[in-house]
Amino acid sequence: MAEQGALAVLPFHAVFSSPRRSMPSVDFAESAHLRIRPTMLSDLDYVVSVEQDDRNLPFITPWERTQHEGAVRFPDSRHFIVEAGAAWDRAGFVILQGCRNPSRSVELKRLVLQVHGQGIGRRCVRMLKQMAFRDLQAHRFWLDVKSRNTRALHLYASEGFVEEGLLRESVRVGGDESFGYETMVVMSMLDREYQARLDTGCETPPPATVL
């Protein structure tokens, strides 16, 4: 099991709202030697380079820099830099979407890491689950993964995400003369499922949010 640490969250303004309730967002989250912070425009060259890494490119559909800039600015999205280690070096990035979804369905749009094989991915997923359900008060936290990305599929399943179904051959890949299609696997977790994991000790109980 990956190392875990206490999570501290420091929100400073509400970005999830509906006619019935106002829900806070997370702008900083930290555990032992792992933290995420809001992406700055000055980080975007780094973000694009991580997507273009040969270890990551087969498993994602890379965005243009302008798309990332839109996610940084758009209030329905949250774009984060992952930092790790004693020096807090950049280790990847995260995108959440649906932060203002009236049905409280938050999407883990992208989790892309530069550092592999150190348990950072699992610790990020646990941090993001806390963020989605505790701070964004999501009812549903969901994602999709390319069917051949077996490592990610195993990680998400082991962290309690349930496979909902397939988007068969829904993503075109390759060039004009040599192309194919990728199948996406849709997975999700509901708030009651997350609470059950807390109750049975499968998740670290989150501390109180510091306002």
N, C-alpha and C. Protein backbone atom coordinates (compact mmCIF):
# COMPACT_ATOMS: atom_id res chain seq x y z
N MET A 1 0.84 -1.19 0.00
CA MET A 1 0.00 0.00 0.00
C MET A 1 0.88 1.25 0.00
N ALA A 2 0.45 2.24 -0.77
CA ALA A 2 1.25 3.46 -0.88
C ALA A 2 1.23 4.21 0.44
N GLU A 3 2.33 4.94 0.68
CA GLU A 3 2.43 5.76 1.89
C GLU A 3 1.35 6.82 1.89
N GLN A 4 0.76 7.08 3.04
CA GLN A 4 -0.25 8.12 3.18
C GLN A 4 0.17 9.10 4.25
N GLY A 5 -0.31 10.31 4.15
CA GLY A 5 -0.07 11.31 5.18
C GLY A 5 -1.32 12.10 5.43
N ALA A 6 -1.29 12.92 6.46
CA ALA A 6 -2.45 13.76 6.77
C ALA A 6 -2.66 14.78 5.67
N LEU A 7 -3.89 15.03 5.35
CA LEU A 7 -4.24 15.95 4.27
C LEU A 7 -4.75 17.25 4.84
N ALA A 8 -4.15 18.36 4.43
CA ALA A 8 -4.61 19.68 4.85
C ALA A 8 -5.12 20.43 3.63
N VAL A 9 -6.27 21.04 3.72
CA VAL A 9 -6.89 21.72 2.59
C VAL A 9 -7.20 23.15 2.96
N LEU A 10 -6.84 24.07 2.07
CA LEU A 10 -7.03 25.49 2.35
C LEU A 10 -7.84 26.15 1.23
N PRO A 11 -9.16 26.13 1.30
CA PRO A 11 -9.96 26.81 0.28
C PRO A 11 -10.10 28.29 0.60
N PHE A 12 -10.30 29.14 -0.42
CA PHE A 12 -10.51 30.54 -0.11
C PHE A 12 -11.68 31.17 -0.85
N HIS A 13 -12.34 30.44 -1.74
CA HIS A 13 -13.56 31.01 -2.29
C HIS A 13 -14.44 29.89 -2.82
N ALA A 14 -15.72 30.15 -2.92
CA ALA A 14 -16.65 29.12 -3.39
C ALA A 14 -16.71 29.13 -4.90
N VAL A 15 -16.65 27.94 -5.51
CA VAL A 15 -16.74 27.85 -6.96
C VAL A 15 -17.76 26.81 -7.38
N PHE A 16 -18.44 26.18 -6.48
CA PHE A 16 -19.44 25.18 -6.79
C PHE A 16 -20.75 25.69 -6.21
N SER A 17 -21.67 26.04 -7.06
CA SER A 17 -22.89 26.63 -6.55
C SER A 17 -24.10 26.05 -7.27
N SER A 18 -25.23 26.05 -6.60
CA SER A 18 -26.51 25.65 -7.18
C SER A 18 -27.58 26.49 -6.51
N PRO A 19 -28.82 26.43 -6.98
CA PRO A 19 -29.86 27.22 -6.33
C PRO A 19 -30.06 26.85 -4.86
N ARG A 20 -29.65 25.64 -4.45
CA ARG A 20 -29.93 25.19 -3.09
C ARG A 20 -28.76 25.32 -2.14
N ARG A 21 -27.54 25.31 -2.67
CA ARG A 21 -26.40 25.26 -1.76
C ARG A 21 -25.16 25.86 -2.39
N SER A 22 -24.21 26.25 -1.58
CA SER A 22 -22.92 26.75 -2.04
C SER A 22 -21.85 25.82 -1.54
N MET A 23 -20.95 25.40 -2.42
CA MET A 23 -19.98 24.39 -2.07
C MET A 23 -18.58 24.92 -2.32
N PRO A 24 -17.65 24.72 -1.40
CA PRO A 24 -16.31 25.25 -1.56
C PRO A 24 -15.47 24.42 -2.51
N SER A 25 -14.48 25.05 -3.09
CA SER A 25 -13.48 24.34 -3.87
C SER A 25 -12.21 24.23 -3.07
N VAL A 26 -11.30 23.44 -3.60
CA VAL A 26 -10.00 23.28 -2.97
C VAL A 26 -8.97 24.01 -3.80
N ASP A 27 -8.15 24.83 -3.18
CA ASP A 27 -7.11 25.53 -3.90
C ASP A 27 -5.72 25.12 -3.45
N PHE A 28 -5.64 24.28 -2.43
CA PHE A 28 -4.35 23.76 -2.01
C PHE A 28 -4.60 22.50 -1.20
N ALA A 29 -3.91 21.43 -1.50
CA ALA A 29 -4.05 20.20 -0.71
C ALA A 29 -2.67 19.57 -0.58
N GLU A 30 -2.39 19.05 0.61
CA GLU A 30 -1.04 18.54 0.88
C GLU A 30 -1.11 17.31 1.76
N SER A 31 -0.25 16.33 1.46
CA SER A 31 0.00 15.20 2.35
C SER A 31 1.51 15.06 2.47
N ALA A 32 1.97 14.01 3.14
CA ALA A 32 3.40 13.85 3.37
C ALA A 32 4.15 13.79 2.04
N HIS A 33 4.94 14.82 1.74
CA HIS A 33 5.78 14.88 0.54
C HIS A 33 4.98 14.80 -0.75
N LEU A 34 3.72 15.19 -0.70
CA LEU A 34 2.90 15.25 -1.91
C LEU A 34 1.87 16.36 -1.72
N ARG A 35 1.76 17.23 -2.72
CA ARG A 35 0.76 18.27 -2.66
C ARG A 35 0.32 18.65 -4.07
N ILE A 36 -0.86 19.25 -4.16
CA ILE A 36 -1.31 19.81 -5.42
C ILE A 36 -1.65 21.28 -5.17
N ARG A 37 -1.38 22.08 -6.17
CA ARG A 37 -1.63 23.52 -6.07
C ARG A 37 -2.18 23.99 -7.41
N PRO A 38 -2.87 25.13 -7.45
CA PRO A 38 -3.43 25.61 -8.71
C PRO A 38 -2.35 25.82 -9.77
N THR A 39 -2.65 25.41 -10.97
CA THR A 39 -1.75 25.62 -12.10
C THR A 39 -1.73 27.10 -12.46
N MET A 40 -0.54 27.62 -12.66
CA MET A 40 -0.36 28.99 -13.14
C MET A 40 -0.13 28.95 -14.65
N LEU A 41 -0.37 30.07 -15.30
CA LEU A 41 -0.12 30.11 -16.74
C LEU A 41 1.35 29.82 -17.05
N SER A 42 2.23 30.18 -16.13
CA SER A 42 3.66 29.91 -16.33
C SER A 42 3.99 28.43 -16.24
N ASP A 43 3.05 27.60 -15.77
CA ASP A 43 3.26 26.15 -15.70
C ASP A 43 2.88 25.43 -16.98
N LEU A 44 2.23 26.10 -17.91
CA LEU A 44 1.59 25.39 -19.01
C LEU A 44 2.58 24.75 -19.98
N ASP A 45 3.75 25.34 -20.17
CA ASP A 45 4.75 24.68 -21.01
C ASP A 45 5.15 23.34 -20.39
N TYR A 46 5.28 23.32 -19.07
CA TYR A 46 5.58 22.07 -18.37
C TYR A 46 4.44 21.07 -18.56
N VAL A 47 3.21 21.51 -18.41
CA VAL A 47 2.05 20.62 -18.56
C VAL A 47 2.04 19.97 -19.94
N VAL A 48 2.25 20.77 -20.97
CA VAL A 48 2.26 20.24 -22.34
C VAL A 48 3.40 19.24 -22.51
N SER A 49 4.55 19.51 -21.92
CA SER A 49 5.69 18.60 -22.06
C SER A 49 5.42 17.26 -21.38
N VAL A 50 4.69 17.26 -20.26
CA VAL A 50 4.36 16.01 -19.59
C VAL A 50 3.40 15.19 -20.45
N GLU A 51 2.45 15.85 -21.08
CA GLU A 51 1.55 15.13 -21.98
C GLU A 51 2.29 14.52 -23.17
N GLN A 52 3.31 15.21 -23.65
CA GLN A 52 4.04 14.73 -24.83
C GLN A 52 5.09 13.69 -24.48
N ASP A 53 5.28 13.39 -23.22
CA ASP A 53 6.21 12.36 -22.79
C ASP A 53 5.81 11.03 -23.42
N ASP A 54 6.78 10.30 -23.98
CA ASP A 54 6.48 9.05 -24.67
C ASP A 54 5.83 8.01 -23.76
N ARG A 55 6.05 8.13 -22.45
CA ARG A 55 5.44 7.18 -21.51
C ARG A 55 3.96 7.49 -21.28
N ASN A 56 3.54 8.71 -21.55
CA ASN A 56 2.16 9.11 -21.30
C ASN A 56 1.32 9.21 -22.57
N LEU A 57 1.95 9.57 -23.68
CA LEU A 57 1.22 9.90 -24.90
C LEU A 57 0.30 8.78 -25.38
N PRO A 58 0.68 7.48 -25.28
CA PRO A 58 -0.23 6.45 -25.78
C PRO A 58 -1.55 6.35 -25.02
N PHE A 59 -1.61 6.90 -23.81
CA PHE A 59 -2.76 6.67 -22.96
C PHE A 59 -3.65 7.90 -22.79
N ILE A 60 -3.33 9.00 -23.46
CA ILE A 60 -4.13 10.21 -23.34
C ILE A 60 -4.37 10.80 -24.73
N THR A 61 -5.29 11.74 -24.79
CA THR A 61 -5.49 12.56 -25.97
C THR A 61 -4.97 13.95 -25.62
N PRO A 62 -3.77 14.30 -26.07
CA PRO A 62 -3.15 15.55 -25.61
C PRO A 62 -3.94 16.77 -26.05
N TRP A 63 -3.88 17.79 -25.22
CA TRP A 63 -4.54 19.06 -25.49
C TRP A 63 -3.54 20.06 -26.05
N GLU A 64 -4.10 21.05 -26.75
CA GLU A 64 -3.32 22.22 -27.12
C GLU A 64 -3.11 23.08 -25.87
N ARG A 65 -2.09 23.92 -25.91
CA ARG A 65 -1.82 24.79 -24.77
C ARG A 65 -3.02 25.68 -24.45
N THR A 66 -3.71 26.14 -25.49
CA THR A 66 -4.86 27.00 -25.28
C THR A 66 -6.00 26.28 -24.55
N GLN A 67 -6.13 24.96 -24.76
CA GLN A 67 -7.15 24.20 -24.04
C GLN A 67 -6.82 24.15 -22.54
N HIS A 68 -5.55 23.95 -22.22
CA HIS A 68 -5.15 23.96 -20.82
C HIS A 68 -5.37 25.34 -20.21
N GLU A 69 -5.08 26.38 -20.97
CA GLU A 69 -5.29 27.73 -20.46
C GLU A 69 -6.77 27.96 -20.16
N GLY A 70 -7.64 27.42 -21.03
CA GLY A 70 -9.07 27.53 -20.79
C GLY A 70 -9.49 26.83 -19.51
N ALA A 71 -8.90 25.65 -19.26
CA ALA A 71 -9.23 24.90 -18.04
C ALA A 71 -8.74 25.63 -16.79
N VAL A 72 -7.63 26.34 -16.91
CA VAL A 72 -7.13 27.14 -15.79
C VAL A 72 -8.10 28.27 -15.47
N ARG A 73 -8.66 28.88 -16.50
CA ARG A 73 -9.49 30.07 -16.32
C ARG A 73 -10.97 29.75 -16.08
N PHE A 74 -11.45 28.62 -16.60
CA PHE A 74 -12.89 28.33 -16.57
C PHE A 74 -13.31 27.89 -15.18
N PRO A 75 -14.31 28.55 -14.58
CA PRO A 75 -14.66 28.25 -13.18
C PRO A 75 -15.24 26.87 -12.95
N ASP A 76 -15.72 26.18 -13.98
CA ASP A 76 -16.24 24.83 -13.83
C ASP A 76 -15.12 23.80 -13.72
N SER A 77 -13.89 24.20 -14.02
CA SER A 77 -12.73 23.29 -14.02
C SER A 77 -11.79 23.64 -12.88
N ARG A 78 -10.96 22.68 -12.55
CA ARG A 78 -9.86 22.89 -11.62
C ARG A 78 -8.62 22.25 -12.22
N HIS A 79 -7.58 23.04 -12.42
CA HIS A 79 -6.32 22.58 -13.02
C HIS A 79 -5.25 22.69 -11.95
N PHE A 80 -4.59 21.58 -11.63
CA PHE A 80 -3.62 21.55 -10.54
C PHE A 80 -2.27 21.01 -11.01
N ILE A 81 -1.21 21.48 -10.38
CA ILE A 81 0.12 20.92 -10.51
C ILE A 81 0.36 19.99 -9.31
N VAL A 82 0.87 18.80 -9.59
CA VAL A 82 1.27 17.86 -8.55
C VAL A 82 2.74 18.12 -8.21
N GLU A 83 3.04 18.29 -6.94
CA GLU A 83 4.42 18.48 -6.48
C GLU A 83 4.75 17.41 -5.46
N ALA A 84 5.98 16.91 -5.51
CA ALA A 84 6.36 15.79 -4.64
C ALA A 84 7.82 15.91 -4.24
N GLY A 85 8.16 15.19 -3.15
CA GLY A 85 9.53 15.15 -2.69
C GLY A 85 9.88 16.27 -1.74
N ALA A 86 11.05 16.17 -1.15
CA ALA A 86 11.47 17.15 -0.15
C ALA A 86 11.58 18.56 -0.73
N ALA A 87 11.91 18.67 -2.01
CA ALA A 87 12.06 19.98 -2.66
C ALA A 87 10.78 20.43 -3.37
N TRP A 88 9.70 19.65 -3.27
CA TRP A 88 8.44 19.95 -3.92
C TRP A 88 8.62 20.19 -5.42
N ASP A 89 9.33 19.27 -6.06
CA ASP A 89 9.49 19.35 -7.51
C ASP A 89 8.16 19.01 -8.20
N ARG A 90 7.94 19.60 -9.36
CA ARG A 90 6.74 19.27 -10.13
C ARG A 90 6.81 17.81 -10.59
N ALA A 91 5.69 17.10 -10.42
CA ALA A 91 5.66 15.67 -10.74
C ALA A 91 4.53 15.31 -11.69
N GLY A 92 3.71 16.28 -12.09
CA GLY A 92 2.60 16.00 -13.00
C GLY A 92 1.51 17.03 -12.84
N PHE A 93 0.33 16.71 -13.35
CA PHE A 93 -0.79 17.64 -13.25
C PHE A 93 -2.11 16.89 -13.22
N VAL A 94 -3.15 17.60 -12.79
CA VAL A 94 -4.49 17.06 -12.63
C VAL A 94 -5.49 18.06 -13.19
N ILE A 95 -6.55 17.56 -13.83
CA ILE A 95 -7.67 18.40 -14.25
C ILE A 95 -8.96 17.78 -13.72
N LEU A 96 -9.75 18.58 -13.01
CA LEU A 96 -11.10 18.21 -12.62
C LEU A 96 -12.07 19.06 -13.42
N GLN A 97 -13.19 18.47 -13.83
CA GLN A 97 -14.24 19.21 -14.52
C GLN A 97 -15.59 18.91 -13.87
N GLY A 98 -16.55 19.77 -14.10
CA GLY A 98 -17.87 19.60 -13.51
C GLY A 98 -17.97 20.13 -12.10
N CYS A 99 -17.10 21.05 -11.72
CA CYS A 99 -17.10 21.57 -10.35
C CYS A 99 -18.31 22.43 -10.04
N ARG A 100 -19.06 22.83 -11.08
CA ARG A 100 -20.32 23.54 -10.89
C ARG A 100 -21.49 22.75 -11.45
N ASN A 101 -21.28 21.47 -11.67
CA ASN A 101 -22.33 20.63 -12.22
C ASN A 101 -23.52 20.58 -11.26
N PRO A 102 -24.72 20.94 -11.71
CA PRO A 102 -25.87 20.95 -10.80
C PRO A 102 -26.24 19.56 -10.27
N SER A 103 -25.82 18.51 -10.98
CA SER A 103 -26.08 17.15 -10.51
C SER A 103 -24.96 16.64 -9.61
N ARG A 104 -23.98 17.50 -9.33
CA ARG A 104 -22.86 17.17 -8.44
C ARG A 104 -22.09 15.96 -8.95
N SER A 105 -21.87 15.95 -10.28
CA SER A 105 -21.09 14.89 -10.92
C SER A 105 -19.77 15.50 -11.37
N VAL A 106 -18.71 15.19 -10.64
CA VAL A 106 -17.38 15.76 -10.89
C VAL A 106 -16.53 14.75 -11.64
N GLU A 107 -15.86 15.21 -12.67
CA GLU A 107 -15.05 14.32 -13.51
C GLU A 107 -13.56 14.51 -13.22
N LEU A 108 -12.87 13.40 -13.03
CA LEU A 108 -11.42 13.41 -13.05
C LEU A 108 -11.02 13.33 -14.52
N LYS A 109 -10.86 14.51 -15.10
CA LYS A 109 -10.63 14.57 -16.54
C LYS A 109 -9.25 14.05 -16.91
N ARG A 110 -8.26 14.37 -16.08
CA ARG A 110 -6.90 13.96 -16.44
C ARG A 110 -6.00 13.93 -15.21
N LEU A 111 -5.24 12.86 -15.11
CA LEU A 111 -4.17 12.73 -14.12
C LEU A 111 -2.96 12.20 -14.87
N VAL A 112 -1.98 13.07 -15.09
CA VAL A 112 -0.80 12.71 -15.87
C VAL A 112 0.44 13.01 -15.04
N LEU A 113 1.28 12.01 -14.89
CA LEU A 113 2.46 12.15 -14.03
C LEU A 113 3.75 12.05 -14.84
N GLN A 114 4.72 12.80 -14.40
CA GLN A 114 6.07 12.71 -14.97
C GLN A 114 6.88 11.65 -14.24
N VAL A 115 6.55 11.45 -12.96
CA VAL A 115 7.27 10.50 -12.12
C VAL A 115 6.42 9.24 -11.99
N HIS A 116 7.00 8.09 -12.30
CA HIS A 116 6.27 6.84 -12.29
C HIS A 116 6.92 5.85 -11.32
N GLY A 117 6.10 4.91 -10.83
CA GLY A 117 6.62 3.81 -10.03
C GLY A 117 6.96 4.16 -8.60
N GLN A 118 6.48 5.28 -8.09
CA GLN A 118 6.77 5.69 -6.71
C GLN A 118 5.51 5.82 -5.86
N GLY A 119 4.37 5.33 -6.37
CA GLY A 119 3.14 5.40 -5.61
C GLY A 119 2.46 6.75 -5.62
N ILE A 120 2.96 7.68 -6.43
CA ILE A 120 2.39 9.02 -6.45
C ILE A 120 0.98 9.00 -7.04
N GLY A 121 0.76 8.17 -8.05
CA GLY A 121 -0.55 8.09 -8.67
C GLY A 121 -1.62 7.67 -7.69
N ARG A 122 -1.36 6.64 -6.90
CA ARG A 122 -2.33 6.16 -5.92
C ARG A 122 -2.60 7.23 -4.87
N ARG A 123 -1.57 7.89 -4.40
CA ARG A 123 -1.75 8.92 -3.37
C ARG A 123 -2.52 10.11 -3.94
N CYS A 124 -2.28 10.44 -5.21
CA CYS A 124 -3.06 11.51 -5.85
C CYS A 124 -4.53 11.14 -5.94
N VAL A 125 -4.81 9.90 -6.33
CA VAL A 125 -6.20 9.46 -6.45
C VAL A 125 -6.90 9.58 -5.10
N ARG A 126 -6.24 9.18 -4.03
CA ARG A 126 -6.85 9.27 -2.70
C ARG A 126 -7.08 10.72 -2.29
N MET A 127 -6.13 11.58 -2.60
CA MET A 127 -6.29 12.99 -2.31
C MET A 127 -7.45 13.59 -3.10
N LEU A 128 -7.57 13.18 -4.36
CA LEU A 128 -8.63 13.73 -5.21
C LEU A 128 -10.00 13.22 -4.81
N LYS A 129 -10.09 11.99 -4.32
CA LYS A 129 -11.37 11.50 -3.80
C LYS A 129 -11.81 12.33 -2.60
N GLN A 130 -10.89 12.62 -1.70
CA GLN A 130 -11.22 13.47 -0.56
C GLN A 130 -11.70 14.84 -1.04
N MET A 131 -11.00 15.38 -2.01
CA MET A 131 -11.34 16.68 -2.54
C MET A 131 -12.72 16.69 -3.17
N ALA A 132 -13.01 15.65 -3.98
CA ALA A 132 -14.29 15.60 -4.68
C ALA A 132 -15.46 15.46 -3.72
N PHE A 133 -15.35 14.51 -2.78
CA PHE A 133 -16.50 14.21 -1.94
C PHE A 133 -16.60 15.12 -0.71
N ARG A 134 -15.48 15.49 -0.14
CA ARG A 134 -15.54 16.30 1.06
C ARG A 134 -15.65 17.79 0.75
N ASP A 135 -14.85 18.28 -0.18
CA ASP A 135 -14.78 19.71 -0.41
C ASP A 135 -15.70 20.19 -1.53
N LEU A 136 -15.81 19.41 -2.62
CA LEU A 136 -16.75 19.76 -3.68
C LEU A 136 -18.12 19.15 -3.43
N GLN A 137 -18.23 18.28 -2.43
CA GLN A 137 -19.49 17.63 -2.08
C GLN A 137 -20.13 16.95 -3.29
N ALA A 138 -19.30 16.24 -4.05
CA ALA A 138 -19.79 15.52 -5.23
C ALA A 138 -20.70 14.37 -4.81
N HIS A 139 -21.69 14.10 -5.63
CA HIS A 139 -22.47 12.87 -5.49
C HIS A 139 -21.81 11.73 -6.26
N ARG A 140 -21.20 12.08 -7.39
CA ARG A 140 -20.57 11.09 -8.27
C ARG A 140 -19.22 11.65 -8.72
N PHE A 141 -18.20 10.81 -8.62
CA PHE A 141 -16.86 11.16 -9.07
C PHE A 141 -16.49 10.14 -10.13
N TRP A 142 -16.24 10.60 -11.35
CA TRP A 142 -16.11 9.65 -12.45
C TRP A 142 -14.93 9.99 -13.36
N LEU A 143 -14.60 9.04 -14.22
CA LEU A 143 -13.47 9.19 -15.14
C LEU A 143 -13.64 8.20 -16.28
N ASP A 144 -12.85 8.38 -17.32
CA ASP A 144 -12.75 7.34 -18.35
C ASP A 144 -11.29 7.08 -18.66
N VAL A 145 -11.01 5.84 -19.05
CA VAL A 145 -9.64 5.37 -19.26
C VAL A 145 -9.60 4.55 -20.54
N LYS A 146 -8.54 4.69 -21.31
CA LYS A 146 -8.39 3.83 -22.48
C LYS A 146 -8.30 2.37 -22.04
N SER A 147 -8.98 1.50 -22.77
CA SER A 147 -9.11 0.10 -22.36
C SER A 147 -7.77 -0.61 -22.30
N ARG A 148 -6.78 -0.14 -23.04
CA ARG A 148 -5.47 -0.80 -23.00
C ARG A 148 -4.56 -0.28 -21.90
N ASN A 149 -5.04 0.72 -21.17
CA ASN A 149 -4.26 1.26 -20.05
C ASN A 149 -4.56 0.41 -18.81
N THR A 150 -4.06 -0.81 -18.82
CA THR A 150 -4.40 -1.77 -17.78
C THR A 150 -3.88 -1.35 -16.40
N ARG A 151 -2.76 -0.66 -16.39
CA ARG A 151 -2.21 -0.22 -15.10
C ARG A 151 -3.14 0.77 -14.42
N ALA A 152 -3.66 1.73 -15.18
CA ALA A 152 -4.59 2.71 -14.62
C ALA A 152 -5.90 2.05 -14.23
N LEU A 153 -6.39 1.14 -15.05
CA LEU A 153 -7.64 0.45 -14.73
C LEU A 153 -7.52 -0.31 -13.41
N HIS A 154 -6.39 -0.97 -13.21
CA HIS A 154 -6.18 -1.71 -11.96
C HIS A 154 -6.12 -0.75 -10.77
N LEU A 155 -5.44 0.38 -10.95
CA LEU A 155 -5.34 1.36 -9.87
C LEU A 155 -6.72 1.86 -9.47
N TYR A 156 -7.51 2.29 -10.43
CA TYR A 156 -8.82 2.86 -10.10
C TYR A 156 -9.75 1.81 -9.49
N ALA A 157 -9.71 0.58 -10.02
CA ALA A 157 -10.55 -0.48 -9.44
C ALA A 157 -10.14 -0.76 -8.00
N SER A 158 -8.83 -0.79 -7.74
CA SER A 158 -8.36 -1.07 -6.38
C SER A 158 -8.68 0.06 -5.42
N GLU A 159 -8.95 1.26 -5.96
CA GLU A 159 -9.32 2.40 -5.13
C GLU A 159 -10.83 2.59 -5.02
N GLY A 160 -11.59 1.59 -5.47
CA GLY A 160 -13.02 1.59 -5.25
C GLY A 160 -13.88 2.10 -6.39
N PHE A 161 -13.29 2.46 -7.52
CA PHE A 161 -14.09 2.90 -8.66
C PHE A 161 -14.74 1.69 -9.32
N VAL A 162 -15.99 1.87 -9.73
CA VAL A 162 -16.79 0.80 -10.32
C VAL A 162 -16.89 1.01 -11.83
N GLU A 163 -16.66 -0.04 -12.59
CA GLU A 163 -16.78 0.06 -14.04
C GLU A 163 -18.24 0.17 -14.43
N GLU A 164 -18.58 1.23 -15.17
CA GLU A 164 -19.97 1.46 -15.59
C GLU A 164 -20.25 0.89 -16.97
N GLY A 165 -19.25 0.93 -17.84
CA GLY A 165 -19.48 0.46 -19.19
C GLY A 165 -18.38 0.92 -20.12
N LEU A 166 -18.58 0.67 -21.41
CA LEU A 166 -17.59 0.98 -22.43
C LEU A 166 -18.13 2.01 -23.40
N LEU A 167 -17.26 2.90 -23.82
CA LEU A 167 -17.52 3.75 -24.98
C LEU A 167 -16.71 3.13 -26.13
N ARG A 168 -17.35 2.25 -26.86
CA ARG A 168 -16.62 1.43 -27.82
C ARG A 168 -16.10 2.25 -28.99
N GLU A 169 -14.79 2.12 -29.23
CA GLU A 169 -14.12 2.76 -30.37
C GLU A 169 -14.58 4.22 -30.50
N SER A 170 -14.48 4.95 -29.41
CA SER A 170 -15.01 6.32 -29.37
C SER A 170 -13.96 7.39 -29.60
N VAL A 171 -12.67 7.01 -29.59
CA VAL A 171 -11.60 7.98 -29.76
C VAL A 171 -10.74 7.57 -30.96
N ARG A 172 -10.65 8.45 -31.93
CA ARG A 172 -9.82 8.17 -33.11
C ARG A 172 -8.36 8.49 -32.79
N VAL A 173 -7.47 7.61 -33.19
CA VAL A 173 -6.03 7.80 -32.97
C VAL A 173 -5.29 7.54 -34.27
N GLY A 174 -4.09 8.11 -34.37
CA GLY A 174 -3.26 7.91 -35.55
C GLY A 174 -3.47 9.00 -36.58
N GLY A 175 -2.70 8.91 -37.67
CA GLY A 175 -2.75 9.90 -38.73
C GLY A 175 -3.85 9.62 -39.73
N ASP A 176 -3.92 10.47 -40.76
CA ASP A 176 -4.98 10.35 -41.76
C ASP A 176 -4.90 9.05 -42.53
N GLU A 177 -3.69 8.57 -42.82
CA GLU A 177 -3.54 7.37 -43.63
C GLU A 177 -3.47 6.10 -42.78
N SER A 178 -3.10 6.24 -41.53
CA SER A 178 -3.00 5.09 -40.64
C SER A 178 -3.63 5.46 -39.31
N PHE A 179 -4.87 5.08 -39.14
CA PHE A 179 -5.56 5.46 -37.92
C PHE A 179 -6.39 4.28 -37.41
N GLY A 180 -6.81 4.40 -36.18
CA GLY A 180 -7.66 3.40 -35.57
C GLY A 180 -8.52 4.06 -34.52
N TYR A 181 -9.16 3.25 -33.70
CA TYR A 181 -10.06 3.77 -32.69
C TYR A 181 -9.78 3.10 -31.34
N GLU A 182 -9.89 3.89 -30.29
CA GLU A 182 -9.69 3.40 -28.93
C GLU A 182 -11.03 3.29 -28.22
N THR A 183 -11.17 2.26 -27.40
CA THR A 183 -12.34 2.09 -26.55
C THR A 183 -12.04 2.66 -25.17
N MET A 184 -12.99 3.40 -24.62
CA MET A 184 -12.84 4.01 -23.30
C MET A 184 -13.68 3.25 -22.28
N VAL A 185 -13.11 3.06 -21.10
CA VAL A 185 -13.80 2.43 -19.98
C VAL A 185 -14.25 3.52 -19.02
N VAL A 186 -15.54 3.59 -18.74
CA VAL A 186 -16.08 4.59 -17.82
C VAL A 186 -16.18 3.98 -16.42
N MET A 187 -15.63 4.69 -15.43
CA MET A 187 -15.64 4.22 -14.04
C MET A 187 -16.11 5.36 -13.15
N SER A 188 -16.70 5.00 -12.01
CA SER A 188 -17.18 6.04 -11.10
C SER A 188 -17.22 5.52 -9.68
N MET A 189 -17.37 6.48 -8.76
CA MET A 189 -17.61 6.20 -7.35
C MET A 189 -18.69 7.18 -6.88
N LEU A 190 -19.62 6.69 -6.06
CA LEU A 190 -20.68 7.52 -5.50
C LEU A 190 -20.33 7.94 -4.08
N ASP A 191 -20.97 9.00 -3.62
CA ASP A 191 -20.65 9.50 -2.28
C ASP A 191 -20.89 8.45 -1.21
N ARG A 192 -21.96 7.66 -1.32
CA ARG A 192 -22.23 6.63 -0.31
C ARG A 192 -21.20 5.51 -0.35
N GLU A 193 -20.64 5.26 -1.54
CA GLU A 193 -19.59 4.24 -1.65
C GLU A 193 -18.30 4.74 -1.00
N TYR A 194 -18.03 6.01 -1.19
CA TYR A 194 -16.86 6.59 -0.54
C TYR A 194 -17.02 6.58 0.97
N GLN A 195 -18.22 6.92 1.44
CA GLN A 195 -18.47 6.91 2.88
C GLN A 195 -18.31 5.50 3.44
N ALA A 196 -18.76 4.50 2.70
CA ALA A 196 -18.60 3.12 3.15
C ALA A 196 -17.13 2.74 3.27
N ARG A 197 -16.31 3.24 2.37
CA ARG A 197 -14.88 2.97 2.44
C ARG A 197 -14.25 3.66 3.66
N LEU A 198 -14.75 4.85 3.97
CA LEU A 198 -14.30 5.52 5.19
C LEU A 198 -14.69 4.71 6.42
N ASP A 199 -15.92 4.24 6.43
CA ASP A 199 -16.43 3.52 7.60
C ASP A 199 -15.70 2.20 7.83
N THR A 200 -15.21 1.59 6.76
CA THR A 200 -14.53 0.29 6.88
C THR A 200 -13.01 0.42 6.92
N GLY A 201 -12.51 1.67 6.94
CA GLY A 201 -11.08 1.88 7.04
C GLY A 201 -10.32 1.77 5.74
N CYS A 202 -11.03 1.70 4.62
CA CYS A 202 -10.35 1.63 3.32
C CYS A 202 -9.82 2.98 2.86
N GLU A 203 -10.33 4.05 3.46
CA GLU A 203 -9.86 5.40 3.17
C GLU A 203 -9.43 6.05 4.47
N THR A 204 -8.43 6.92 4.40
CA THR A 204 -8.03 7.69 5.57
C THR A 204 -9.07 8.77 5.84
N PRO A 205 -9.66 8.81 7.03
CA PRO A 205 -10.67 9.85 7.31
C PRO A 205 -10.07 11.22 7.14
N PRO A 206 -10.71 12.10 6.35
CA PRO A 206 -10.16 13.44 6.12
C PRO A 206 -10.29 14.31 7.36
N PRO A 207 -9.30 15.14 7.65
CA PRO A 207 -9.41 16.09 8.76
C PRO A 207 -10.36 17.22 8.40
N ALA A 208 -10.70 18.03 9.38
CA ALA A 208 -11.58 19.16 9.15
C ALA A 208 -10.93 20.16 8.20
N THR A 209 -11.73 20.74 7.32
CA THR A 209 -11.23 21.74 6.40
C THR A 209 -10.91 23.02 7.15
N VAL A 210 -9.77 23.62 6.83
CA VAL A 210 -9.39 24.91 7.40
C VAL A 210 -9.92 26.01 6.50
N LEU A 211 -10.83 26.83 6.99
CA LEU A 211 -11.45 27.85 6.18
C LEU A 211 -10.71 29.17 6.28
